[in-house]
Amino acid sequence: MNNVKGKVVIAGIGNPLRGDDAVGSYIVKELNNKLRAILIDCEDQPERFIEKIVENKPETVIFIDAVHMNQKPGSVVFMRETDLEEYTGISSHQTNLKHCIDYIKAKITCKIFIVAIQPENTEFGRSMSKKILEVAETLRHLFIQTLNKN
């Protein structure tokens, strides 16, 4: 988080109908009006929002997404965009996210980070698990404390 500078866009990714997969969207909604950053809820289609990100010309973009990383549920990994290649194919959004990042980098100069959260359950029709809700709350506080100082 120390590398997050300047104008910031936070883009939450997640399908609200697939349990813990919704965590990125959930966190962005919970940050609404609590943070000096541009917040975008991409749901499960980040590619639909890349122009909005580019138009804002941020210095930093942070994507928040549930990523299957073979970790303990609730584990959080802060990645640079280059780290995403290690996890390709383990989340329904990762291929689209990689293309989105490539497009953004071609259009503007910015740092891009991914906050990846290991989901517990992504079955259709499920609610977010208690563990992932707790992690989402912790991350919400972290974003507020860290980014409101800049």
Protein backbone atom coordinates (compact mmCIF):
# COMPACT_ATOMS: atom_id res chain seq x y z
CA MET A 1 0.00 0.00 0.00
CA ASN A 2 3.00 2.31 0.39
CA ASN A 3 3.38 2.27 -3.42
CA VAL A 4 -0.12 3.64 -3.95
CA LYS A 5 0.27 7.28 -4.96
CA GLY A 6 -1.64 10.10 -6.59
CA LYS A 7 -5.07 9.74 -8.15
CA VAL A 8 -6.41 6.26 -7.37
CA VAL A 9 -9.07 4.12 -9.02
CA ILE A 10 -10.29 1.09 -7.09
CA ALA A 11 -12.18 -1.40 -9.22
CA GLY A 12 -14.06 -4.20 -7.48
CA ILE A 13 -14.71 -7.38 -9.45
CA GLY A 14 -17.17 -10.12 -8.59
CA ASN A 15 -20.39 -11.89 -9.40
CA PRO A 16 -22.98 -11.09 -6.73
CA LEU A 17 -24.73 -14.41 -7.41
CA ARG A 18 -21.68 -16.59 -6.70
CA GLY A 19 -20.98 -16.34 -2.97
CA ASP A 20 -17.46 -15.21 -2.14
CA ASP A 21 -16.80 -14.28 -5.76
CA ALA A 22 -18.67 -11.03 -4.97
CA VAL A 23 -16.01 -9.80 -2.55
CA GLY A 24 -14.42 -7.20 -4.85
CA SER A 25 -17.75 -5.59 -5.68
CA TYR A 26 -18.79 -5.78 -2.04
CA ILE A 27 -15.68 -3.96 -0.80
CA VAL A 28 -16.06 -1.15 -3.37
CA LYS A 29 -19.69 -0.66 -2.36
CA GLU A 30 -18.69 -0.54 1.31
CA LEU A 31 -16.05 2.11 0.54
CA ASN A 32 -18.55 4.44 -1.13
CA ASN A 33 -18.24 7.99 0.27
CA LYS A 34 -15.54 6.91 2.72
CA LEU A 35 -12.45 7.28 0.58
CA ARG A 36 -10.67 9.78 -1.64
CA ALA A 37 -10.55 7.49 -4.64
CA ILE A 38 -12.61 6.77 -7.72
CA LEU A 39 -14.61 3.62 -6.98
CA ILE A 40 -15.90 1.38 -9.76
CA ASP A 41 -18.04 -1.72 -9.25
CA CYS A 42 -17.23 -3.86 -12.29
CA GLU A 43 -19.23 -6.87 -11.09
CA ASP A 44 -18.04 -9.77 -13.25
CA GLN A 45 -17.26 -7.73 -16.39
CA PRO A 46 -14.17 -5.58 -15.81
CA GLU A 47 -13.72 -5.17 -19.56
CA ARG A 48 -16.85 -2.98 -19.66
CA PHE A 49 -15.19 -0.41 -17.38
CA ILE A 50 -11.68 -0.02 -18.80
CA GLU A 51 -12.54 3.15 -20.73
CA LYS A 52 -13.91 4.71 -17.54
CA ILE A 53 -10.64 3.85 -15.80
CA VAL A 54 -8.54 5.28 -18.66
CA GLU A 55 -10.65 8.45 -18.87
CA ASN A 56 -9.91 9.20 -15.20
CA LYS A 57 -6.14 9.05 -15.86
CA PRO A 58 -5.21 7.60 -12.47
CA GLU A 59 -1.65 7.19 -11.25
CA THR A 60 -2.67 3.97 -9.49
CA VAL A 61 -5.32 1.36 -10.27
CA ILE A 62 -6.25 -1.30 -7.73
CA PHE A 63 -8.39 -4.26 -8.75
CA ILE A 64 -10.01 -6.28 -5.95
CA ASP A 65 -11.06 -9.81 -6.89
CA ALA A 66 -11.61 -13.31 -5.55
CA VAL A 67 -8.84 -15.50 -6.95
CA HIS A 68 -8.41 -19.24 -6.52
CA MET A 69 -4.79 -19.43 -5.36
CA ASN A 70 -4.80 -22.77 -3.53
CA GLN A 71 -4.50 -20.86 -0.25
CA LYS A 72 -6.50 -20.98 2.96
CA PRO A 73 -9.92 -19.28 2.47
CA GLY A 74 -9.64 -15.60 3.35
CA SER A 75 -5.95 -15.38 2.43
CA VAL A 76 -5.10 -12.07 0.80
CA VAL A 77 -2.28 -11.54 -1.69
CA PHE A 78 -1.28 -8.07 -2.90
CA MET A 79 0.01 -8.47 -6.46
CA ARG A 80 1.46 -6.36 -9.21
CA GLU A 81 -0.08 -6.93 -12.63
CA THR A 82 2.90 -9.08 -13.62
CA ASP A 83 2.10 -11.51 -10.79
CA LEU A 84 -1.31 -12.22 -12.29
CA GLU A 85 0.24 -14.49 -14.94
CA GLU A 86 1.13 -16.97 -12.19
CA TYR A 87 -2.59 -17.37 -11.42
CA THR A 88 -4.01 -17.41 -14.97
CA GLY A 89 -6.88 -19.83 -15.46
CA ILE A 90 -7.94 -20.11 -11.84
CA SER A 91 -10.65 -17.47 -11.79
CA SER A 92 -13.40 -16.71 -14.24
CA HIS A 93 -12.23 -13.09 -14.49
CA GLN A 94 -8.47 -13.51 -14.82
CA THR A 95 -8.23 -13.72 -18.62
CA ASN A 96 -10.43 -10.66 -18.99
CA LEU A 97 -8.51 -8.88 -16.25
CA LYS A 98 -5.18 -9.53 -17.98
CA HIS A 99 -6.56 -8.06 -21.22
CA CYS A 100 -7.97 -5.08 -19.31
CA ILE A 101 -4.62 -4.41 -17.69
CA ASP A 102 -2.80 -4.66 -21.02
CA TYR A 103 -5.24 -2.17 -22.55
CA ILE A 104 -4.96 0.27 -19.65
CA LYS A 105 -1.14 0.11 -19.76
CA ALA A 106 -1.22 0.80 -23.52
CA LYS A 107 -3.35 3.92 -23.00
CA ILE A 108 -1.97 5.51 -19.82
CA THR A 109 1.04 5.32 -17.53
CA CYS A 110 0.01 4.05 -14.12
CA LYS A 111 0.78 1.47 -11.47
CA ILE A 112 -1.64 -1.44 -11.34
CA PHE A 113 -2.14 -3.69 -8.35
CA ILE A 114 -4.47 -6.60 -7.66
CA VAL A 115 -5.79 -7.42 -4.21
CA ALA A 116 -6.54 -11.13 -4.55
CA ILE A 117 -8.69 -12.87 -1.96
CA GLN A 118 -8.94 -16.65 -1.71
CA PRO A 119 -12.67 -17.47 -1.70
CA GLU A 120 -14.22 -20.20 0.40
CA ASN A 121 -17.32 -20.84 -1.70
CA THR A 122 -18.25 -19.56 -5.16
CA GLU A 123 -21.29 -21.74 -5.81
CA PHE A 124 -24.17 -20.13 -7.66
CA GLY A 125 -26.89 -18.75 -5.39
CA ARG A 126 -24.76 -18.70 -2.23
CA SER A 127 -24.16 -15.72 0.04
CA MET A 128 -20.69 -14.54 0.95
CA SER A 129 -19.19 -16.65 3.72
CA LYS A 130 -18.61 -15.24 7.21
CA LYS A 131 -14.83 -15.60 6.78
CA ILE A 132 -14.75 -13.59 3.55
CA LEU A 133 -17.05 -10.92 5.01
CA GLU A 134 -14.58 -10.54 7.90
CA VAL A 135 -11.68 -10.21 5.46
CA ALA A 136 -13.66 -7.67 3.41
CA GLU A 137 -14.22 -5.57 6.55
CA THR A 138 -10.51 -5.70 7.41
CA LEU A 139 -9.57 -4.63 3.90
CA ARG A 140 -12.15 -1.84 3.96
CA HIS A 141 -10.54 -0.44 7.11
CA LEU A 142 -7.06 -0.82 5.61
CA PHE A 143 -8.06 1.13 2.49
CA ILE A 144 -9.66 3.90 4.55
CA GLN A 145 -6.69 4.24 6.90
CA THR A 146 -4.05 4.06 4.18
CA LEU A 147 -5.56 5.98 1.28
CA ASN A 148 -7.17 8.78 3.24
CA LYS A 149 -3.68 9.75 4.47
CA ASN A 150 -2.46 10.44 0.91
